[in-house]
Amino acid sequence: MLSSWTQPDTLPSLLFVVCGLSFFIVLHRKVIRKESFFTTKLDNIPGIGWSGALASYLTAIRFLYDAQVMLENGYRRHHNSAFKIPFFDKWVIVFSDENKIQDIRRASNEQLSATVALQELMHFDFSLGAEISEDPYHVAVITRFFSDQKMRLNFAGLLDEVETALSEQIPINKERAKINAWELCRIIMFQSQSRLFVGVPLCRKKEYMSLNTQYAVAVMLSIHIMRCIPKFLHKPIRRYLSPFPGYIQKMTKLLQDHAHVCSNTQEQRDSHSPENIENVFLTALAQATESHKNILSEMSMRLLAINFVSNWTSSLTLNFALSRLALSPDLVPVLRQEVETCITLQGWSHASINNMYLLDSFIKESQRLSGVVGISLTRKAMKDFTFSDGTQISKGTLIAFPVQAIHYDEKNYNNARSFQPWRFAQDQDNPPPQASPSPMTSPDTKFLEFGIGRHTW
């Protein structure tokens, strides 16, 4: 039902209706009935923008399109302290100092929960399904899959899919052609990761890609709508707004051709034949859902969620990197030489990829300047919590850190706003290439694009 709302003609009117209804309901509950709008313990924390009972909604609207500027302003004004930003349905307390990042890294889930905070901010129980957050067993399946030797054996399949996608999307001729960079990145990333998750031919079907693209748009739209609606209205309207039931049915039909993986035996999975390598992930996912009545429907829900989370962030990362490369074409020969050298020595393998230090630094620096998230390390206090410096937050408080502002801080990086492609691939006293002292997949307190601690993604 929700996918039809993404049409340009219907979206504005829908948002006006939802926002207008929410405004008057909140006005009635919070002003006329004089219910407390604030959590009094947050009153002493300075806010960015207007903080009044109704004016804070204007700040929340501004945050939708001007979040980065607001977060940087708060970071400069309240560095090493705290400030608050309003969402339509809650406040988020933003910290910035390094010691608190370390405190969060050491805190247990029973003290500060990333899962609960993400559920509240993104409304995943509504947009992706309550089962995803209540029993995220697919996370363990993914973890085992990417540490499995068979996935490494299928590296050739991944390379084949990238080449196939590129040949389909970029015409080989002598004349120049205009190409939508974002669409190119999205298609390449989705098709290549789908090769690992579902294999050929499903990863190449336009219906499969289109379904997942529409689903992602519907999920993001539903999240924004739920943020505009008072919390007490969430449950009554869920069945009318939730996007996933219809998409699960469509995904189930697409998976029916792959239903044979549900009955694969352990001996078949241990075989190194190409067919079984292609089906390793689906087989593992099918086994993890054996206790459910409708295995294909359960698998469909998990696949939709996995594709939603993984594809958009990786596509944005690739898009930002290509944009930087287009602005600095002189870097192409340097990167090409490193790639060709590594491939000559070790072939297309995990080992060769891990030795591409300049490429790793280039992408990480691109992420640092053009990250895909504005805030990270989001946590909800499950009980009263005291940081190492004595700062206390009450149970139920949502906290976060301004990633981009930290990345732009001159105290963390010299010439922080300039693009230095080899920033992470060399020691200060040695020119590139050197063994990368800070690879992209190793976050620290100054690089938070992937989070930090046990919830690093």
Protein backbone atom coordinates (compact mmCIF):
# COMPACT_ATOMS: atom_id res chain seq x y z
CA MET A 1 0.00 0.00 0.00
CA LEU A 2 2.74 2.42 0.98
CA SER A 3 4.66 2.08 -2.27
CA SER A 4 1.97 4.03 -4.09
CA TRP A 5 2.62 7.00 -1.79
CA THR A 6 6.06 7.53 -3.28
CA GLN A 7 4.46 8.99 -6.39
CA PRO A 8 5.06 12.78 -6.66
CA ASP A 9 1.34 13.61 -6.92
CA THR A 10 0.34 11.89 -3.69
CA LEU A 11 3.32 12.42 -1.38
CA PRO A 12 2.89 16.17 -0.62
CA SER A 13 -0.81 15.89 0.21
CA LEU A 14 -0.18 12.87 2.42
CA LEU A 15 2.54 14.64 4.39
CA PHE A 16 0.37 17.75 4.84
CA VAL A 17 -2.50 15.63 6.18
CA VAL A 18 -0.27 13.67 8.54
CA CYS A 19 1.63 16.72 9.84
CA GLY A 20 -1.56 18.78 10.19
CA LEU A 21 -3.37 16.04 12.12
CA SER A 22 -0.36 15.48 14.36
CA PHE A 23 0.02 19.19 15.09
CA PHE A 24 -3.54 19.66 16.29
CA ILE A 25 -3.49 16.49 18.35
CA VAL A 26 -0.24 17.48 20.02
CA LEU A 27 -1.56 21.02 20.54
CA HIS A 28 -4.62 19.63 22.27
CA ARG A 29 -2.72 17.17 24.46
CA LYS A 30 0.23 19.34 25.35
CA VAL A 31 -1.21 22.85 25.55
CA ILE A 32 -4.96 22.74 26.14
CA ARG A 33 -4.69 19.77 28.51
CA LYS A 34 -1.43 21.23 29.91
CA GLU A 35 0.44 17.93 29.80
CA SER A 36 4.18 18.23 30.32
CA PHE A 37 6.04 18.47 27.05
CA PHE A 38 9.55 18.27 28.44
CA THR A 39 11.43 15.77 30.47
CA THR A 40 12.36 18.17 33.24
CA LYS A 41 15.80 16.65 33.68
CA LEU A 42 16.69 17.82 30.16
CA ASP A 43 15.65 21.43 30.72
CA ASN A 44 19.13 22.56 31.74
CA ILE A 45 20.77 21.14 28.62
CA PRO A 46 21.14 23.83 25.91
CA GLY A 47 19.34 23.20 22.65
CA ILE A 48 20.15 24.03 19.05
CA GLY A 49 17.40 26.16 17.53
CA TRP A 50 14.10 26.81 19.27
CA SER A 51 13.29 24.67 22.29
CA GLY A 52 9.76 25.78 23.13
CA ALA A 53 6.87 23.35 23.31
CA LEU A 54 5.66 24.23 19.81
CA ALA A 55 8.66 26.08 18.38
CA SER A 56 10.79 22.96 18.79
CA TYR A 57 8.76 21.41 15.96
CA LEU A 58 10.15 24.10 13.66
CA THR A 59 13.65 23.10 14.73
CA ALA A 60 12.80 19.45 14.08
CA ILE A 61 11.64 20.38 10.58
CA ARG A 62 14.86 22.29 9.95
CA PHE A 63 16.86 19.28 11.14
CA LEU A 64 15.40 17.24 8.28
CA TYR A 65 17.27 19.32 5.67
CA ASP A 66 19.96 21.19 7.62
CA ALA A 67 21.17 18.61 10.13
CA GLN A 68 24.87 18.93 9.37
CA VAL A 69 25.00 22.69 9.91
CA MET A 70 23.02 22.39 13.14
CA LEU A 71 25.25 19.61 14.48
CA GLU A 72 28.42 21.52 13.65
CA ASN A 73 27.07 24.64 15.36
CA GLY A 74 26.25 22.64 18.45
CA TYR A 75 29.65 20.97 18.38
CA ARG A 76 31.47 24.32 18.27
CA ARG A 77 29.35 25.96 20.96
CA HIS A 78 29.20 23.04 23.37
CA HIS A 79 32.36 21.08 22.68
CA ASN A 80 33.16 18.60 25.47
CA SER A 81 29.77 19.22 27.05
CA ALA A 82 26.32 18.43 25.63
CA PHE A 83 23.47 19.89 23.64
CA LYS A 84 20.05 18.60 22.62
CA ILE A 85 18.32 18.36 19.28
CA PRO A 86 14.57 17.80 18.84
CA PHE A 87 12.97 15.14 16.73
CA PHE A 88 9.22 15.31 16.25
CA ASP A 89 8.61 12.73 18.97
CA LYS A 90 11.68 12.89 21.22
CA TRP A 91 14.85 14.70 22.26
CA VAL A 92 18.36 13.39 21.54
CA ILE A 93 21.29 14.50 23.71
CA VAL A 94 24.49 14.97 21.69
CA PHE A 95 27.93 14.55 23.27
CA SER A 96 31.31 15.01 21.61
CA ASP A 97 34.30 14.40 23.88
CA GLU A 98 36.54 11.37 23.40
CA ASN A 99 36.28 10.08 26.97
CA LYS A 100 32.52 9.62 26.65
CA ILE A 101 33.06 7.69 23.41
CA GLN A 102 35.30 5.31 25.33
CA ASP A 103 32.67 5.07 28.08
CA ILE A 104 30.08 4.08 25.51
CA ARG A 105 32.44 1.50 24.02
CA ARG A 106 32.87 -0.13 27.45
CA ALA A 107 29.22 0.10 28.52
CA SER A 108 27.09 -3.05 28.46
CA ASN A 109 23.81 -3.45 26.57
CA GLU A 110 22.05 -3.46 29.93
CA GLN A 111 23.40 0.05 30.57
CA LEU A 112 23.37 1.70 27.12
CA SER A 113 21.53 -0.09 24.34
CA ALA A 114 22.25 0.60 20.67
CA THR A 115 19.51 -1.78 19.55
CA VAL A 116 16.72 -0.10 21.52
CA ALA A 117 17.92 3.36 20.46
CA LEU A 118 17.92 2.36 16.80
CA GLN A 119 14.45 0.91 17.10
CA GLU A 120 13.11 4.11 18.60
CA LEU A 121 14.78 6.44 16.11
CA MET A 122 14.12 4.37 12.99
CA HIS A 123 10.85 2.66 14.04
CA PHE A 124 12.13 -0.62 12.62
CA ASP A 125 9.47 -2.63 14.45
CA PHE A 126 6.97 -0.78 12.27
CA SER A 127 8.87 -0.31 9.00
CA LEU A 128 10.77 -3.61 8.84
CA GLY A 129 8.64 -5.77 11.09
CA ALA A 130 8.68 -6.43 14.82
CA GLU A 131 10.24 -9.84 14.23
CA ILE A 132 13.41 -8.22 12.87
CA SER A 133 14.12 -6.39 16.12
CA GLU A 134 12.74 -9.01 18.50
CA ASP A 135 14.72 -11.91 17.05
CA PRO A 136 17.61 -10.68 14.84
CA TYR A 137 18.99 -14.17 14.19
CA HIS A 138 19.89 -13.12 10.64
CA VAL A 139 22.79 -11.10 12.08
CA ALA A 140 24.45 -14.32 13.28
CA VAL A 141 23.81 -15.89 9.86
CA ILE A 142 25.55 -12.96 8.14
CA THR A 143 28.47 -13.05 10.57
CA ARG A 144 29.06 -16.77 10.01
CA PHE A 145 28.65 -16.35 6.28
CA PHE A 146 31.32 -13.69 5.90
CA SER A 147 33.73 -15.64 8.07
CA ASP A 148 33.03 -18.87 6.16
CA GLN A 149 35.75 -20.16 3.86
CA LYS A 150 33.17 -20.90 1.15
CA MET A 151 32.37 -17.21 0.87
CA ARG A 152 36.06 -16.66 0.19
CA LEU A 153 35.92 -19.35 -2.48
CA ASN A 154 33.15 -17.39 -4.20
CA PHE A 155 35.31 -14.29 -4.58
CA ALA A 156 35.50 -15.12 -8.27
CA GLY A 157 31.71 -15.02 -8.44
CA LEU A 158 31.68 -11.56 -6.87
CA LEU A 159 34.23 -10.32 -9.40
CA ASP A 160 32.22 -11.85 -12.24
CA GLU A 161 29.09 -10.04 -11.06
CA VAL A 162 30.85 -6.67 -10.85
CA GLU A 163 32.14 -7.13 -14.41
CA THR A 164 28.69 -8.20 -15.61
CA ALA A 165 27.00 -5.19 -14.01
CA LEU A 166 29.59 -2.78 -15.39
CA SER A 167 29.31 -4.17 -18.90
CA GLU A 168 25.52 -3.80 -18.76
CA GLN A 169 25.53 -0.28 -17.35
CA ILE A 170 28.48 1.30 -19.18
CA PRO A 171 28.32 0.97 -22.96
CA ILE A 172 31.65 0.22 -24.60
CA ASN A 173 32.01 2.59 -27.55
CA LYS A 174 34.24 5.39 -28.70
CA GLU A 175 31.77 8.16 -28.00
CA ARG A 176 31.16 9.79 -24.66
CA ALA A 177 27.95 8.92 -22.85
CA LYS A 178 26.19 10.47 -19.88
CA ILE A 179 25.83 8.12 -16.94
CA ASN A 180 23.93 8.68 -13.72
CA ALA A 181 26.65 8.01 -11.14
CA TRP A 182 24.25 7.33 -8.28
CA GLU A 183 22.21 4.84 -10.29
CA LEU A 184 25.40 3.16 -11.49
CA CYS A 185 26.73 2.77 -7.94
CA ARG A 186 23.42 1.54 -6.61
CA ILE A 187 23.02 -1.10 -9.31
CA ILE A 188 26.60 -2.34 -9.12
CA MET A 189 26.56 -2.64 -5.33
CA PHE A 190 23.15 -4.27 -5.19
CA GLN A 191 23.83 -6.75 -7.97
CA SER A 192 27.24 -7.76 -6.61
CA GLN A 193 26.08 -8.23 -3.02
CA SER A 194 23.01 -10.09 -4.24
CA ARG A 195 25.34 -12.51 -6.04
CA LEU A 196 26.65 -13.48 -2.61
CA PHE A 197 23.24 -13.56 -0.92
CA VAL A 198 20.96 -15.18 -3.51
CA GLY A 199 23.17 -16.13 -6.48
CA VAL A 200 22.44 -16.27 -10.20
CA PRO A 201 19.97 -15.73 -11.82
CA LEU A 202 17.95 -13.97 -9.13
CA CYS A 203 20.61 -11.32 -8.48
CA ARG A 204 20.31 -10.19 -12.13
CA LYS A 205 16.53 -10.04 -12.36
CA LYS A 206 15.20 -6.53 -12.75
CA GLU A 207 12.10 -7.47 -10.77
CA TYR A 208 14.27 -8.39 -7.78
CA MET A 209 16.23 -5.15 -7.88
CA SER A 210 13.14 -3.03 -8.48
CA LEU A 211 11.29 -4.65 -5.59
CA ASN A 212 14.13 -3.98 -3.15
CA THR A 213 14.52 -0.39 -4.40
CA GLN A 214 10.82 0.35 -3.94
CA TYR A 215 10.89 -1.28 -0.53
CA ALA A 216 13.81 0.89 0.62
CA VAL A 217 12.00 4.06 -0.45
CA ALA A 218 8.82 2.92 1.28
CA VAL A 219 10.68 2.11 4.49
CA MET A 220 12.38 5.52 4.63
CA LEU A 221 9.10 7.28 3.92
CA SER A 222 7.33 5.32 6.64
CA ILE A 223 10.10 6.18 9.12
CA HIS A 224 9.73 9.91 8.44
CA ILE A 225 5.96 9.67 8.72
CA MET A 226 6.13 7.84 12.02
CA ARG A 227 8.48 10.50 13.38
CA CYS A 228 5.84 13.12 12.61
CA ILE A 229 3.05 11.24 14.37
CA PRO A 230 2.55 11.33 18.16
CA LYS A 231 3.60 8.09 19.84
CA PHE A 232 0.12 7.28 21.13
CA LEU A 233 -1.10 7.04 17.52
CA HIS A 234 1.57 4.60 16.34
CA LYS A 235 -0.24 1.36 17.09
CA PRO A 236 -3.67 2.33 15.68
CA ILE A 237 -2.25 3.31 12.29
CA ARG A 238 0.40 0.62 11.84
CA ARG A 239 -1.73 -1.74 9.79
CA TYR A 240 -2.60 1.08 7.40
CA LEU A 241 0.91 2.46 6.93
CA SER A 242 3.29 -0.46 7.36
CA PRO A 243 5.05 -1.14 4.04
CA PHE A 244 6.38 -4.65 4.49
CA PRO A 245 3.42 -7.11 4.15
CA GLY A 246 2.90 -6.54 0.44
CA TYR A 247 6.60 -6.60 -0.31
CA ILE A 248 7.05 -9.87 1.56
CA GLN A 249 4.46 -11.51 -0.69
CA LYS A 250 6.26 -10.30 -3.81
CA MET A 251 9.65 -11.38 -2.50
CA THR A 252 8.28 -14.81 -1.61
CA LYS A 253 7.20 -15.35 -5.22
CA LEU A 254 10.69 -14.46 -6.44
CA LEU A 255 12.28 -16.87 -3.96
CA GLN A 256 10.09 -19.80 -4.94
CA ASP A 257 12.47 -20.70 -7.76
CA HIS A 258 15.19 -21.06 -5.13
CA ALA A 259 13.11 -23.14 -2.74
CA HIS A 260 15.40 -26.14 -3.22
CA VAL A 261 17.98 -24.58 -0.90
CA CYS A 262 15.61 -25.15 2.00
CA SER A 263 16.14 -28.90 1.70
CA ASN A 264 19.92 -28.91 1.12
CA THR A 265 21.70 -31.34 3.39
CA GLN A 266 24.77 -30.66 5.44
CA GLU A 267 26.82 -32.82 3.06
CA GLN A 268 25.73 -30.74 0.08
CA ARG A 269 26.67 -27.52 1.81
CA ASP A 270 30.13 -28.87 2.58
CA SER A 271 30.72 -29.52 -1.12
CA HIS A 272 32.86 -26.95 -2.93
CA SER A 273 30.89 -27.16 -6.16
CA PRO A 274 29.99 -23.77 -7.70
CA GLU A 275 26.25 -24.39 -7.27
CA ASN A 276 26.56 -24.98 -3.54
CA ILE A 277 28.92 -22.03 -3.11
CA GLU A 278 26.27 -19.79 -4.72
CA ASN A 279 23.64 -21.07 -2.28
CA VAL A 280 25.61 -20.97 0.97
CA PHE A 281 23.88 -17.91 2.38
CA LEU A 282 20.35 -18.88 1.36
CA THR A 283 20.92 -22.36 2.74
CA ALA A 284 22.12 -20.98 6.07
CA LEU A 285 19.19 -18.55 6.22
CA ALA A 286 16.74 -21.32 5.39
CA GLN A 287 18.13 -23.50 8.17
CA ALA A 288 17.84 -20.63 10.65
CA THR A 289 14.13 -20.28 9.80
CA GLU A 290 13.23 -23.98 10.04
CA SER A 291 11.15 -23.39 13.16
CA HIS A 292 8.82 -21.00 11.32
CA LYS A 293 5.66 -22.20 9.60
CA ASN A 294 6.31 -20.35 6.35
CA ILE A 295 10.03 -20.55 5.66
CA LEU A 296 9.97 -18.63 2.39
CA SER A 297 7.94 -15.79 3.87
CA GLU A 298 10.32 -15.55 6.83
CA MET A 299 13.34 -15.61 4.51
CA SER A 300 11.75 -12.90 2.38
CA MET A 301 11.32 -10.57 5.36
CA ARG A 302 14.94 -11.08 6.42
CA LEU A 303 16.33 -10.59 2.90
CA LEU A 304 14.40 -7.37 2.43
CA ALA A 305 15.76 -6.03 5.70
CA ILE A 306 19.33 -7.13 4.91
CA ASN A 307 19.25 -5.54 1.47
CA PHE A 308 17.78 -2.32 2.86
CA VAL A 309 20.48 -1.93 5.50
CA SER A 310 23.47 -2.98 3.40
CA ASN A 311 22.86 -1.61 -0.07
CA TRP A 312 22.21 2.08 0.49
CA THR A 313 25.17 2.78 2.75
CA SER A 314 27.62 0.92 0.50
CA SER A 315 26.20 2.58 -2.62
CA LEU A 316 26.58 6.03 -1.09
CA THR A 317 30.17 5.23 -0.10
CA LEU A 318 31.02 4.17 -3.65
CA ASN A 319 29.28 7.22 -5.08
CA PHE A 320 31.22 9.60 -2.84
CA ALA A 321 34.51 7.89 -3.73
CA LEU A 322 33.84 8.11 -7.47
CA SER A 323 32.94 11.77 -7.10
CA ARG A 324 36.27 12.44 -5.39
CA LEU A 325 38.09 10.52 -8.09
CA ALA A 326 36.37 12.55 -10.79
CA LEU A 327 37.59 15.73 -9.08
CA SER A 328 41.15 14.36 -8.87
CA PRO A 329 41.85 12.38 -12.06
CA ASP A 330 45.59 12.54 -11.35
CA LEU A 331 45.02 9.94 -8.62
CA VAL A 332 43.77 7.34 -11.10
CA PRO A 333 47.23 6.14 -12.29
CA VAL A 334 48.49 5.85 -8.70
CA LEU A 335 45.53 3.78 -7.58
CA ARG A 336 45.55 1.68 -10.75
CA GLN A 337 49.22 0.84 -10.28
CA GLU A 338 48.63 -0.34 -6.72
CA VAL A 339 45.65 -2.46 -7.74
CA GLU A 340 47.48 -4.04 -10.68
CA THR A 341 50.53 -4.77 -8.53
CA CYS A 342 48.48 -6.50 -5.84
CA ILE A 343 46.52 -8.53 -8.38
CA THR A 344 49.70 -9.62 -10.16
CA LEU A 345 51.19 -10.87 -6.90
CA GLN A 346 48.13 -12.42 -5.26
CA GLY A 347 45.31 -12.47 -7.82
CA TRP A 348 41.78 -11.29 -7.06
CA SER A 349 41.59 -12.39 -3.43
CA HIS A 350 40.99 -11.12 0.07
CA ALA A 351 44.74 -10.96 0.60
CA SER A 352 45.26 -8.69 -2.40
CA ILE A 353 42.37 -6.43 -1.38
CA ASN A 354 43.80 -6.14 2.14
CA ASN A 355 47.12 -4.98 0.69
CA MET A 356 45.63 -2.11 -1.32
CA TYR A 357 46.59 0.48 1.29
CA LEU A 358 46.29 3.53 -0.94
CA LEU A 359 42.84 2.51 -2.16
CA ASP A 360 41.78 1.87 1.43
CA SER A 361 43.01 5.30 2.51
CA PHE A 362 41.33 6.99 -0.47
CA ILE A 363 37.93 5.50 0.37
CA LYS A 364 38.29 6.18 4.10
CA GLU A 365 39.20 9.81 3.49
CA SER A 366 36.21 10.09 1.18
CA GLN A 367 34.02 8.68 3.94
CA ARG A 368 35.48 11.07 6.47
CA LEU A 369 34.50 14.12 4.41
CA SER A 370 31.26 12.80 2.92
CA GLY A 371 29.91 10.33 5.44
CA VAL A 372 26.53 8.67 5.15
CA VAL A 373 25.47 9.45 8.74
CA GLY A 374 25.20 12.71 10.68
CA ILE A 375 25.03 11.16 14.14
CA SER A 376 26.35 7.83 15.34
CA LEU A 377 26.96 5.86 18.53
CA THR A 378 23.27 6.26 19.27
CA ARG A 379 22.35 4.70 22.59
CA LYS A 380 19.40 4.62 24.98
CA ALA A 381 20.06 4.59 28.70
CA MET A 382 18.38 1.46 30.06
CA LYS A 383 19.10 2.67 33.60
CA ASP A 384 20.60 5.77 35.17
CA PHE A 385 24.16 5.99 33.84
CA THR A 386 27.22 7.90 35.01
CA PHE A 387 30.10 8.69 32.66
CA SER A 388 33.71 8.56 33.83
CA ASP A 389 33.81 12.36 34.24
CA GLY A 390 30.78 12.32 36.55
CA THR A 391 28.17 13.36 33.96
CA GLN A 392 24.88 11.61 34.65
CA ILE A 393 22.01 10.74 32.33
CA SER A 394 18.65 9.38 33.40
CA LYS A 395 17.02 6.15 32.35
CA GLY A 396 15.28 6.55 29.00
CA THR A 397 17.64 9.27 27.68
CA LEU A 398 18.69 8.97 24.04
CA ILE A 399 22.27 10.02 23.29
CA ALA A 400 24.39 10.29 20.14
CA PHE A 401 27.62 11.80 18.77
CA PRO A 402 27.99 14.21 15.79
CA VAL A 403 30.13 12.14 13.43
CA GLN A 404 30.77 14.70 10.70
CA ALA A 405 31.56 17.48 13.17
CA ILE A 406 34.14 15.22 14.83
CA HIS A 407 35.62 14.38 11.43
CA TYR A 408 35.92 18.09 10.58
CA ASP A 409 37.62 19.05 13.84
CA GLU A 410 41.14 20.44 13.31
CA LYS A 411 42.14 18.94 16.64
CA ASN A 412 41.51 15.49 15.18
CA TYR A 413 42.83 16.02 11.64
CA ASN A 414 45.24 18.58 10.17
CA ASN A 415 43.53 20.58 7.41
CA ALA A 416 40.40 18.65 8.33
CA ARG A 417 38.24 20.07 5.54
CA SER A 418 40.72 19.29 2.77
CA PHE A 419 40.76 15.99 0.91
CA GLN A 420 44.08 14.22 1.49
CA PRO A 421 43.79 10.82 -0.21
CA TRP A 422 46.80 9.23 1.53
CA ARG A 423 45.97 10.59 4.98
CA PHE A 424 45.46 7.09 6.41
CA ALA A 425 48.06 5.24 4.32
CA GLN A 426 51.28 6.75 5.55
CA ASP A 427 53.17 7.67 8.64
CA GLN A 428 53.88 11.36 9.08
CA ASP A 429 57.60 10.86 8.29
CA ASN A 430 57.22 8.41 5.39
CA PRO A 431 55.70 8.81 1.92
CA PRO A 432 53.17 6.30 0.54
CA PRO A 433 52.84 3.48 0.13
CA GLN A 434 53.19 2.25 3.69
CA ALA A 435 51.29 -0.43 5.56
CA SER A 436 48.09 1.34 6.51
CA PRO A 437 48.23 2.29 10.22
CA SER A 438 44.49 3.01 10.25
CA PRO A 439 42.47 0.87 7.81
CA MET A 440 38.94 1.83 6.89
CA THR A 441 37.40 -1.09 8.78
CA SER A 442 39.14 -0.21 12.06
CA PRO A 443 37.13 2.63 13.64
CA ASP A 444 38.49 4.70 16.50
CA THR A 445 37.36 7.67 18.56
CA LYS A 446 38.24 10.09 15.74
CA PHE A 447 36.69 8.09 12.88
CA LEU A 448 33.14 7.01 13.73
CA GLU A 449 31.56 6.26 10.37
CA PHE A 450 31.09 2.61 11.39
CA GLY A 451 30.45 3.29 15.07
CA ILE A 452 32.68 1.79 17.73
CA GLY A 453 32.68 -1.11 20.17
CA ARG A 454 30.57 -4.24 19.99
CA HIS A 455 28.00 -2.58 17.72
CA THR A 456 30.49 -1.58 15.02
CA TRP A 457 28.97 -2.39 11.64
